PDB file of all heavy atoms in Angstrom:
ATOM      1  N   PHE A   1     120.792  82.674 113.163  1.00  0.00           N
ATOM      2  CA  PHE A   1     119.399  82.236 113.056  1.00  0.00           C
ATOM      3  C   PHE A   1     118.385  83.368 113.250  1.00  0.00           C
ATOM      4  O   PHE A   1     117.533  83.580 112.374  1.00  0.00           O
ATOM      5  CB  PHE A   1     119.121  81.095 114.028  1.00  0.00           C
ATOM      6  CG  PHE A   1     117.725  80.547 113.914  1.00  0.00           C
ATOM      7  CD1 PHE A   1     117.405  79.648 112.925  1.00  0.00           C
ATOM      8  CD2 PHE A   1     116.739  80.951 114.787  1.00  0.00           C
ATOM      9  CE1 PHE A   1     116.117  79.143 112.804  1.00  0.00           C
ATOM     10  CE2 PHE A   1     115.449  80.461 114.678  1.00  0.00           C
ATOM     11  CZ  PHE A   1     115.137  79.553 113.681  1.00  0.00           C
ATOM     12  N   PRO A   2     118.421  84.127 114.361  1.00  0.00           N
ATOM     13  CA  PRO A   2     117.386  85.157 114.536  1.00  0.00           C
ATOM     14  C   PRO A   2     117.501  86.314 113.542  1.00  0.00           C
ATOM     15  O   PRO A   2     116.562  87.089 113.377  1.00  0.00           O
ATOM     16  CB  PRO A   2     117.598  85.642 115.971  1.00  0.00           C
ATOM     17  CG  PRO A   2     119.011  85.305 116.287  1.00  0.00           C
ATOM     18  CD  PRO A   2     119.327  84.062 115.498  1.00  0.00           C
ATOM     19  N   ASN A   3     118.637  86.414 112.861  1.00  0.00           N
ATOM     20  CA  ASN A   3     118.817  87.455 111.854  1.00  0.00           C
ATOM     21  C   ASN A   3     118.429  86.992 110.459  1.00  0.00           C
ATOM     22  O   ASN A   3     118.273  87.813 109.561  1.00  0.00           O
ATOM     23  CB  ASN A   3     120.272  87.921 111.847  1.00  0.00           C
ATOM     24  CG  ASN A   3     120.647  88.586 113.138  1.00  0.00           C
ATOM     25  OD1 ASN A   3     120.199  89.676 113.423  1.00  0.00           O
ATOM     26  ND2 ASN A   3     121.444  87.909 113.938  1.00  0.00           N
ATOM     27  N   ASN A   4     118.301  85.688 110.275  1.00  0.00           N
ATOM     28  CA  ASN A   4     118.007  85.134 108.957  1.00  0.00           C
ATOM     29  C   ASN A   4     116.610  84.553 108.819  1.00  0.00           C
ATOM     30  O   ASN A   4     116.092  84.461 107.719  1.00  0.00           O
ATOM     31  CB  ASN A   4     119.004  84.018 108.610  1.00  0.00           C
ATOM     32  CG  ASN A   4     120.396  84.533 108.368  1.00  0.00           C
ATOM     33  OD1 ASN A   4     120.608  85.712 108.155  1.00  0.00           O
ATOM     34  ND2 ASN A   4     121.356  83.644 108.418  1.00  0.00           N
ATOM     35  N   ILE A   5     116.025  84.121 109.930  1.00  0.00           N
ATOM     36  CA  ILE A   5     114.750  83.406 109.855  1.00  0.00           C
ATOM     37  C   ILE A   5     113.733  84.010 110.815  1.00  0.00           C
ATOM     38  O   ILE A   5     113.995  84.148 112.005  1.00  0.00           O
ATOM     39  CB  ILE A   5     114.957  81.907 110.158  1.00  0.00           C
ATOM     40  CG1 ILE A   5     115.888  81.324 109.090  1.00  0.00           C
ATOM     41  CG2 ILE A   5     113.633  81.170 110.200  1.00  0.00           C
ATOM     42  CD1 ILE A   5     116.238  79.891 109.273  1.00  0.00           C
ATOM     43  N   ALA A   6     112.590  84.378 110.271  1.00  0.00           N
ATOM     44  CA  ALA A   6     111.489  84.902 111.080  1.00  0.00           C
ATOM     45  C   ALA A   6     110.657  83.721 111.561  1.00  0.00           C
ATOM     46  O   ALA A   6     109.998  83.048 110.768  1.00  0.00           O
ATOM     47  CB  ALA A   6     110.630  85.857 110.262  1.00  0.00           C
ATOM     48  N   THR A   7     110.707  83.465 112.847  1.00  0.00           N
ATOM     49  CA  THR A   7     109.903  82.387 113.444  1.00  0.00           C
ATOM     50  C   THR A   7     108.570  82.939 113.926  1.00  0.00           C
ATOM     51  O   THR A   7     107.915  82.352 114.770  1.00  0.00           O
ATOM     52  CB  THR A   7     110.655  81.754 114.625  1.00  0.00           C
ATOM     53  OG1 THR A   7     110.912  82.770 115.593  1.00  0.00           O
ATOM     54  CG2 THR A   7     111.957  81.124 114.170  1.00  0.00           C
ATOM     55  N   PHE A   8     108.186  84.053 113.376  1.00  0.00           N
ATOM     56  CA  PHE A   8     106.984  84.763 113.802  1.00  0.00           C
ATOM     57  C   PHE A   8     106.255  85.312 112.586  1.00  0.00           C
ATOM     58  O   PHE A   8     106.817  85.411 111.495  1.00  0.00           O
ATOM     59  CB  PHE A   8     107.360  85.918 114.746  1.00  0.00           C
ATOM     60  CG  PHE A   8     108.329  86.887 114.126  1.00  0.00           C
ATOM     61  CD1 PHE A   8     107.882  87.967 113.375  1.00  0.00           C
ATOM     62  CD2 PHE A   8     109.700  86.714 114.280  1.00  0.00           C
ATOM     63  CE1 PHE A   8     108.776  88.847 112.790  1.00  0.00           C
ATOM     64  CE2 PHE A   8     110.607  87.597 113.701  1.00  0.00           C
ATOM     65  CZ  PHE A   8     110.141  88.662 112.953  1.00  0.00           C
ATOM     66  N   SER A   9     105.007  85.657 112.780  1.00  0.00           N
ATOM     67  CA  SER A   9     104.255  86.399 111.774  1.00  0.00           C
ATOM     68  C   SER A   9     103.990  87.781 112.352  1.00  0.00           C
ATOM     69  O   SER A   9     104.111  88.004 113.559  1.00  0.00           O
ATOM     70  CB  SER A   9     102.948  85.678 111.419  1.00  0.00           C
ATOM     71  OG  SER A   9     102.147  85.514 112.572  1.00  0.00           O
ATOM     72  N   VAL A  10     103.664  88.707 111.497  1.00  0.00           N
ATOM     73  CA  VAL A  10     103.419  90.084 111.925  1.00  0.00           C
ATOM     74  C   VAL A  10     101.923  90.329 111.900  1.00  0.00           C
ATOM     75  O   VAL A  10     101.281  90.228 110.851  1.00  0.00           O
ATOM     76  CB  VAL A  10     104.157  91.086 111.015  1.00  0.00           C
ATOM     77  CG1 VAL A  10     103.845  92.505 111.423  1.00  0.00           C
ATOM     78  CG2 VAL A  10     105.657  90.826 111.048  1.00  0.00           C
ATOM     79  N   GLY A  11     101.383  90.617 113.090  1.00  0.00           N
ATOM     80  CA  GLY A  11      99.966  90.927 113.204  1.00  0.00           C
ATOM     81  C   GLY A  11      99.746  92.426 113.138  1.00  0.00           C
ATOM     82  O   GLY A  11     100.666  93.190 112.852  1.00  0.00           O
ATOM     83  N   ALA A  12      98.548  92.860 113.431  1.00  0.00           N
ATOM     84  CA  ALA A  12      98.203  94.278 113.354  1.00  0.00           C
ATOM     85  C   ALA A  12      99.090  95.132 114.242  1.00  0.00           C
ATOM     86  O   ALA A  12      99.492  96.223 113.859  1.00  0.00           O
ATOM     87  CB  ALA A  12      96.739  94.471 113.723  1.00  0.00           C
ATOM     88  N   SER A  13      99.422  94.645 115.419  1.00  0.00           N
ATOM     89  CA  SER A  13     100.221  95.479 116.315  1.00  0.00           C
ATOM     90  C   SER A  13     101.353  94.729 117.006  1.00  0.00           C
ATOM     91  O   SER A  13     101.998  95.289 117.880  1.00  0.00           O
ATOM     92  CB  SER A  13      99.304  96.104 117.373  1.00  0.00           C
ATOM     93  OG  SER A  13      98.695  95.086 118.136  1.00  0.00           O
ATOM     94  N   SER A  14     101.567  93.461 116.624  1.00  0.00           N
ATOM     95  CA  SER A  14     102.606  92.707 117.321  1.00  0.00           C
ATOM     96  C   SER A  14     103.122  91.546 116.472  1.00  0.00           C
ATOM     97  O   SER A  14     102.561  91.226 115.427  1.00  0.00           O
ATOM     98  CB  SER A  14     102.065  92.168 118.648  1.00  0.00           C
ATOM     99  OG  SER A  14     101.036  91.230 118.404  1.00  0.00           O
ATOM    100  N   GLU A  15     104.186  90.928 116.965  1.00  0.00           N
ATOM    101  CA  GLU A  15     104.716  89.719 116.356  1.00  0.00           C
ATOM    102  C   GLU A  15     104.139  88.525 117.105  1.00  0.00           C
ATOM    103  O   GLU A  15     104.034  88.549 118.328  1.00  0.00           O
ATOM    104  CB  GLU A  15     106.243  89.705 116.450  1.00  0.00           C
ATOM    105  CG  GLU A  15     106.889  90.834 115.677  1.00  0.00           C
ATOM    106  CD  GLU A  15     108.393  90.908 115.896  1.00  0.00           C
ATOM    107  OE1 GLU A  15     108.966  89.987 116.522  1.00  0.00           O
ATOM    108  OE2 GLU A  15     108.997  91.883 115.444  1.00  0.00           O
ATOM    109  N   VAL A  16     103.769  87.488 116.364  1.00  0.00           N
ATOM    110  CA  VAL A  16     103.173  86.289 116.941  1.00  0.00           C
ATOM    111  C   VAL A  16     104.075  85.104 116.627  1.00  0.00           C
ATOM    112  O   VAL A  16     104.392  84.859 115.449  1.00  0.00           O
ATOM    113  CB  VAL A  16     101.758  86.047 116.368  1.00  0.00           C
ATOM    114  CG1 VAL A  16     101.159  84.773 116.914  1.00  0.00           C
ATOM    115  CG2 VAL A  16     100.865  87.247 116.622  1.00  0.00           C
ATOM    116  N   GLU A  17     104.510  84.362 117.650  1.00  0.00           N
ATOM    117  CA  GLU A  17     105.350  83.182 117.429  1.00  0.00           C
ATOM    118  C   GLU A  17     104.600  82.167 116.588  1.00  0.00           C
ATOM    119  O   GLU A  17     103.425  81.891 116.823  1.00  0.00           O
ATOM    120  CB  GLU A  17     105.743  82.541 118.764  1.00  0.00           C
ATOM    121  CG  GLU A  17     106.743  83.342 119.546  1.00  0.00           C
ATOM    122  CD  GLU A  17     107.116  82.677 120.869  1.00  0.00           C
ATOM    123  OE1 GLU A  17     106.350  81.812 121.362  1.00  0.00           O
ATOM    124  OE2 GLU A  17     108.169  83.037 121.411  1.00  0.00           O
ATOM    125  N   GLU A  18     105.300  81.598 115.614  1.00  0.00           N
ATOM    126  CA  GLU A  18     104.728  80.572 114.748  1.00  0.00           C
ATOM    127  C   GLU A  18     105.316  79.227 115.154  1.00  0.00           C
ATOM    128  O   GLU A  18     106.501  78.981 114.968  1.00  0.00           O
ATOM    129  CB  GLU A  18     105.061  80.857 113.279  1.00  0.00           C
ATOM    130  CG  GLU A  18     104.328  82.042 112.703  1.00  0.00           C
ATOM    131  CD  GLU A  18     102.856  81.771 112.453  1.00  0.00           C
ATOM    132  OE1 GLU A  18     102.437  80.593 112.431  1.00  0.00           O
ATOM    133  OE2 GLU A  18     102.114  82.750 112.277  1.00  0.00           O
ATOM    134  N   THR A  19     104.511  78.359 115.713  1.00  0.00           N
ATOM    135  CA  THR A  19     104.995  77.050 116.154  1.00  0.00           C
ATOM    136  C   THR A  19     105.109  76.053 115.004  1.00  0.00           C
ATOM    137  O   THR A  19     105.726  75.018 115.155  1.00  0.00           O
ATOM    138  CB  THR A  19     104.086  76.472 117.253  1.00  0.00           C
ATOM    139  OG1 THR A  19     102.763  76.345 116.730  1.00  0.00           O
ATOM    140  CG2 THR A  19     104.099  77.358 118.490  1.00  0.00           C
ATOM    141  N   ASP A  20     104.526  76.372 113.849  1.00  0.00           N
ATOM    142  CA  ASP A  20     104.638  75.534 112.660  1.00  0.00           C
ATOM    143  C   ASP A  20     105.778  76.076 111.795  1.00  0.00           C
ATOM    144  O   ASP A  20     105.648  77.152 111.205  1.00  0.00           O
ATOM    145  CB  ASP A  20     103.334  75.544 111.875  1.00  0.00           C
ATOM    146  CG  ASP A  20     103.371  74.638 110.647  1.00  0.00           C
ATOM    147  OD1 ASP A  20     104.456  74.104 110.314  1.00  0.00           O
ATOM    148  OD2 ASP A  20     102.306  74.476 110.027  1.00  0.00           O
ATOM    149  N   PRO A  21     106.905  75.361 111.693  1.00  0.00           N
ATOM    150  CA  PRO A  21     108.040  75.854 110.904  1.00  0.00           C
ATOM    151  C   PRO A  21     107.701  76.126 109.432  1.00  0.00           C
ATOM    152  O   PRO A  21     108.410  76.879 108.776  1.00  0.00           O
ATOM    153  CB  PRO A  21     109.076  74.736 111.028  1.00  0.00           C
ATOM    154  CG  PRO A  21     108.733  74.032 112.283  1.00  0.00           C
ATOM    155  CD  PRO A  21     107.230  74.106 112.377  1.00  0.00           C
ATOM    156  N   ALA A  22     106.634  75.543 108.919  1.00  0.00           N
ATOM    157  CA  ALA A  22     106.230  75.838 107.543  1.00  0.00           C
ATOM    158  C   ALA A  22     105.820  77.300 107.390  1.00  0.00           C
ATOM    159  O   ALA A  22     105.780  77.828 106.274  1.00  0.00           O
ATOM    160  CB  ALA A  22     105.086  74.916 107.119  1.00  0.00           C
ATOM    161  N   ASN A  23     105.534  77.971 108.502  1.00  0.00           N
ATOM    162  CA  ASN A  23     105.162  79.382 108.462  1.00  0.00           C
ATOM    163  C   ASN A  23     106.345  80.318 108.709  1.00  0.00           C
ATOM    164  O   ASN A  23     106.168  81.519 108.784  1.00  0.00           O
ATOM    165  CB  ASN A  23     104.068  79.672 109.493  1.00  0.00           C
ATOM    166  CG  ASN A  23     102.767  79.007 109.122  1.00  0.00           C
ATOM    167  OD1 ASN A  23     102.482  78.803 107.940  1.00  0.00           O
ATOM    168  ND2 ASN A  23     101.977  78.654 110.114  1.00  0.00           N
ATOM    169  N   TRP A  24     107.537  79.766 108.855  1.00  0.00           N
ATOM    170  CA  TRP A  24     108.733  80.600 109.023  1.00  0.00           C
ATOM    171  C   TRP A  24     109.193  81.085 107.651  1.00  0.00           C
ATOM    172  O   TRP A  24     109.052  80.401 106.648  1.00  0.00           O
ATOM    173  CB  TRP A  24     109.841  79.814 109.693  1.00  0.00           C
ATOM    174  CG  TRP A  24     109.535  79.389 111.095  1.00  0.00           C
ATOM    175  CD1 TRP A  24     108.422  79.682 111.837  1.00  0.00           C
ATOM    176  CD2 TRP A  24     110.353  78.580 111.936  1.00  0.00           C
ATOM    177  NE1 TRP A  24     108.505  79.102 113.076  1.00  0.00           N
ATOM    178  CE2 TRP A  24     109.686  78.414 113.169  1.00  0.00           C
ATOM    179  CE3 TRP A  24     111.578  77.959 111.768  1.00  0.00           C
ATOM    180  CZ2 TRP A  24     110.222  77.681 114.215  1.00  0.00           C
ATOM    181  CZ3 TRP A  24     112.107  77.226 112.802  1.00  0.00           C
ATOM    182  CH2 TRP A  24     111.437  77.093 114.013  1.00  0.00           C
ATOM    183  N   ARG A  25     109.763  82.281 107.634  1.00  0.00           N
ATOM    184  CA  ARG A  25     110.179  82.893 106.374  1.00  0.00           C
ATOM    185  C   ARG A  25     111.554  83.539 106.532  1.00  0.00           C
ATOM    186  O   ARG A  25     112.001  83.818 107.632  1.00  0.00           O
ATOM    187  CB  ARG A  25     109.167  83.971 105.934  1.00  0.00           C
ATOM    188  CG  ARG A  25     107.776  83.457 105.638  1.00  0.00           C
ATOM    189  CD  ARG A  25     107.783  82.520 104.440  1.00  0.00           C
ATOM    190  NE  ARG A  25     106.468  82.115 104.029  1.00  0.00           N
ATOM    191  CZ  ARG A  25     105.856  81.001 104.429  1.00  0.00           C
ATOM    192  NH1 ARG A  25     106.438  80.182 105.274  1.00  0.00           N
ATOM    193  NH2 ARG A  25     104.670  80.700 103.980  1.00  0.00           N
ATOM    194  N   PRO A  26     112.219  83.824 105.409  1.00  0.00           N
ATOM    195  CA  PRO A  26     113.497  84.534 105.463  1.00  0.00           C
ATOM    196  C   PRO A  26     113.323  85.923 106.069  1.00  0.00           C
ATOM    197  O   PRO A  26     112.313  86.595 105.844  1.00  0.00           O
ATOM    198  CB  PRO A  26     113.907  84.642 103.995  1.00  0.00           C
ATOM    199  CG  PRO A  26     113.141  83.575 103.300  1.00  0.00           C
ATOM    200  CD  PRO A  26     111.853  83.450 104.048  1.00  0.00           C
ATOM    201  N   LEU A  27     114.323  86.342 106.819  1.00  0.00           N
ATOM    202  CA  LEU A  27     114.249  87.643 107.501  1.00  0.00           C
ATOM    203  C   LEU A  27     115.415  88.552 107.139  1.00  0.00           C
ATOM    204  O   LEU A  27     115.369  89.747 107.381  1.00  0.00           O
ATOM    205  CB  LEU A  27     114.223  87.420 109.018  1.00  0.00           C
ATOM    206  CG  LEU A  27     114.055  88.637 109.914  1.00  0.00           C
ATOM    207  CD1 LEU A  27     112.710  89.318 109.634  1.00  0.00           C
ATOM    208  CD2 LEU A  27     114.145  88.245 111.372  1.00  0.00           C
ATOM    209  N   LYS A  28     116.467  88.010 106.553  1.00  0.00           N
ATOM    210  CA  LYS A  28     117.672  88.784 106.283  1.00  0.00           C
ATOM    211  C   LYS A  28     117.338  90.071 105.519  1.00  0.00           C
ATOM    212  O   LYS A  28     116.486  90.069 104.648  1.00  0.00           O
ATOM    213  CB  LYS A  28     118.660  87.949 105.484  1.00  0.00           C
ATOM    214  CG  LYS A  28     120.048  88.567 105.404  1.00  0.00           C
ATOM    215  CD  LYS A  28     120.969  87.760 104.530  1.00  0.00           C
ATOM    216  CE  LYS A  28     121.395  86.493 105.179  1.00  0.00           C
ATOM    217  NZ  LYS A  28     122.384  85.743 104.409  1.00  0.00           N
ATOM    218  N   PHE A  29     118.025  91.133 105.855  1.00  0.00           N
ATOM    219  CA  PHE A  29     117.925  92.458 105.249  1.00  0.00           C
ATOM    220  C   PHE A  29     116.718  93.253 105.729  1.00  0.00           C
ATOM    221  O   PHE A  29     116.534  94.382 105.323  1.00  0.00           O
ATOM    222  CB  PHE A  29     117.888  92.416 103.718  1.00  0.00           C
ATOM    223  CG  PHE A  29     119.046  91.722 103.090  1.00  0.00           C
ATOM    224  CD1 PHE A  29     118.882  90.505 102.471  1.00  0.00           C
ATOM    225  CD2 PHE A  29     120.310  92.279 103.126  1.00  0.00           C
ATOM    226  CE1 PHE A  29     119.953  89.851 101.892  1.00  0.00           C
ATOM    227  CE2 PHE A  29     121.389  91.632 102.550  1.00  0.00           C
ATOM    228  CZ  PHE A  29     121.199  90.417 101.931  1.00  0.00           C
ATOM    229  N   ILE A  30     115.887  92.692 106.572  1.00  0.00           N
ATOM    230  CA  ILE A  30     114.712  93.427 107.046  1.00  0.00           C
ATOM    231  C   ILE A  30     115.005  93.901 108.458  1.00  0.00           C
ATOM    232  O   ILE A  30     115.134  93.114 109.376  1.00  0.00           O
ATOM    233  CB  ILE A  30     113.449  92.545 107.012  1.00  0.00           C
ATOM    234  CG1 ILE A  30     113.165  92.117 105.575  1.00  0.00           C
ATOM    235  CG2 ILE A  30     112.253  93.301 107.593  1.00  0.00           C
ATOM    236  CD1 ILE A  30     112.055  91.109 105.430  1.00  0.00           C
ATOM    237  N   SER A  31     115.121  95.218 108.608  1.00  0.00           N
ATOM    238  CA  SER A  31     115.479  95.750 109.924  1.00  0.00           C
ATOM    239  C   SER A  31     114.339  96.511 110.587  1.00  0.00           C
ATOM    240  O   SER A  31     114.401  96.795 111.769  1.00  0.00           O
ATOM    241  CB  SER A  31     116.711  96.668 109.803  1.00  0.00           C
ATOM    242  OG  SER A  31     116.461  97.720 108.900  1.00  0.00           O
ATOM    243  N   ASP A  32     113.304  96.835 109.827  1.00  0.00           N
ATOM    244  CA  ASP A  32     112.198  97.597 110.403  1.00  0.00           C
ATOM    245  C   ASP A  32     110.878  96.960 109.987  1.00  0.00           C
ATOM    246  O   ASP A  32     110.490  97.002 108.828  1.00  0.00           O
ATOM    247  CB  ASP A  32     112.260  99.050 109.922  1.00  0.00           C
ATOM    248  CG  ASP A  32     111.145  99.910 110.485  1.00  0.00           C
ATOM    249  OD1 ASP A  32     110.461  99.480 111.442  1.00  0.00           O
ATOM    250  OD2 ASP A  32     110.951 101.024 109.970  1.00  0.00           O
ATOM    251  N   LEU A  33     110.207  96.357 110.954  1.00  0.00           N
ATOM    252  CA  LEU A  33     108.923  95.714 110.675  1.00  0.00           C
ATOM    253  C   LEU A  33     107.741  96.615 111.003  1.00  0.00           C
ATOM    254  O   LEU A  33     106.593  96.208 110.869  1.00  0.00           O
ATOM    255  CB  LEU A  33     108.808  94.419 111.487  1.00  0.00           C
ATOM    256  CG  LEU A  33     109.800  93.315 111.120  1.00  0.00           C
ATOM    257  CD1 LEU A  33     109.776  92.208 112.171  1.00  0.00           C
ATOM    258  CD2 LEU A  33     109.483  92.754 109.751  1.00  0.00           C
ATOM    259  N   SER A  34     108.017  97.855 111.407  1.00  0.00           N
ATOM    260  CA  SER A  34     106.942  98.735 111.857  1.00  0.00           C
ATOM    261  C   SER A  34     106.115  99.304 110.711  1.00  0.00           C
ATOM    262  O   SER A  34     104.978  99.715 110.912  1.00  0.00           O
ATOM    263  CB  SER A  34     107.505  99.878 112.703  1.00  0.00           C
ATOM    264  OG  SER A  34     108.355 100.694 111.919  1.00  0.00           O
ATOM    265  N   SER A  35     106.672  99.357 109.513  1.00  0.00           N
ATOM    266  CA  SER A  35     105.887  99.825 108.371  1.00  0.00           C
ATOM    267  C   SER A  35     106.034  98.824 107.243  1.00  0.00           C
ATOM    268  O   SER A  35     107.103  98.260 107.019  1.00  0.00           O
ATOM    269  CB  SER A  35     106.347 101.214 107.917  1.00  0.00           C
ATOM    270  OG  SER A  35     107.702 101.185 107.542  1.00  0.00           O
ATOM    271  N   LEU A  36     104.958  98.586 106.525  1.00  0.00           N
ATOM    272  CA  LEU A  36     104.961  97.595 105.455  1.00  0.00           C
ATOM    273  C   LEU A  36     105.872  98.040 104.316  1.00  0.00           C
ATOM    274  O   LEU A  36     106.018  99.236 104.052  1.00  0.00           O
ATOM    275  CB  LEU A  36     103.544  97.370 104.941  1.00  0.00           C
ATOM    276  CG  LEU A  36     102.602  96.658 105.907  1.00  0.00           C
ATOM    277  CD1 LEU A  36     101.210  96.537 105.298  1.00  0.00           C
ATOM    278  CD2 LEU A  36     103.132  95.280 106.273  1.00  0.00           C
ATOM    279  N   PRO A  37     106.471  97.074 103.622  1.00  0.00           N
ATOM    280  CA  PRO A  37     107.340  97.412 102.499  1.00  0.00           C
ATOM    281  C   PRO A  37     106.540  97.945 101.316  1.00  0.00           C
ATOM    282  O   PRO A  37     105.329  97.748 101.231  1.00  0.00           O
ATOM    283  CB  PRO A  37     107.995  96.074 102.147  1.00  0.00           C
ATOM    284  CG  PRO A  37     107.008  95.048 102.597  1.00  0.00           C
ATOM    285  CD  PRO A  37     106.340  95.632 103.807  1.00  0.00           C
ATOM    286  N   SER A  38     107.243  98.606 100.420  1.00  0.00           N
ATOM    287  CA  SER A  38     106.613  99.066  99.180  1.00  0.00           C
ATOM    288  C   SER A  38     107.531  98.709  98.016  1.00  0.00           C
ATOM    289  O   SER A  38     108.744  98.655  98.171  1.00  0.00           O
ATOM    290  CB  SER A  38     106.367 100.579  99.219  1.00  0.00           C
ATOM    291  OG  SER A  38     107.590 101.273  99.335  1.00  0.00           O
ATOM    292  N   ARG A  39     106.933  98.474  96.873  1.00  0.00           N
ATOM    293  CA  ARG A  39     107.730  98.125  95.692  1.00  0.00           C
ATOM    294  C   ARG A  39     108.678  99.275  95.363  1.00  0.00           C
ATOM    295  O   ARG A  39     108.266 100.404  95.216  1.00  0.00           O
ATOM    296  CB  ARG A  39     106.827  97.837  94.512  1.00  0.00           C
ATOM    297  CG  ARG A  39     106.006  96.605  94.718  1.00  0.00           C
ATOM    298  CD  ARG A  39     105.189  96.259  93.476  1.00  0.00           C
ATOM    299  NE  ARG A  39     104.229  95.234  93.793  1.00  0.00           N
ATOM    300  CZ  ARG A  39     104.504  93.951  93.986  1.00  0.00           C
ATOM    301  NH1 ARG A  39     105.739  93.549  93.887  1.00  0.00           N
ATOM    302  NH2 ARG A  39     103.573  93.081  94.292  1.00  0.00           N
TER     303      ARG A  39
END
């Protein structure tokens, strides 16, 4: 579960728990949230 589903959103400097499951997203394959992805 914690490796597949992000129960949080990413703010400017931290992760924020999302209590609404509709805001949860897939997390698999993402190992570094410190820099935004690029195409």
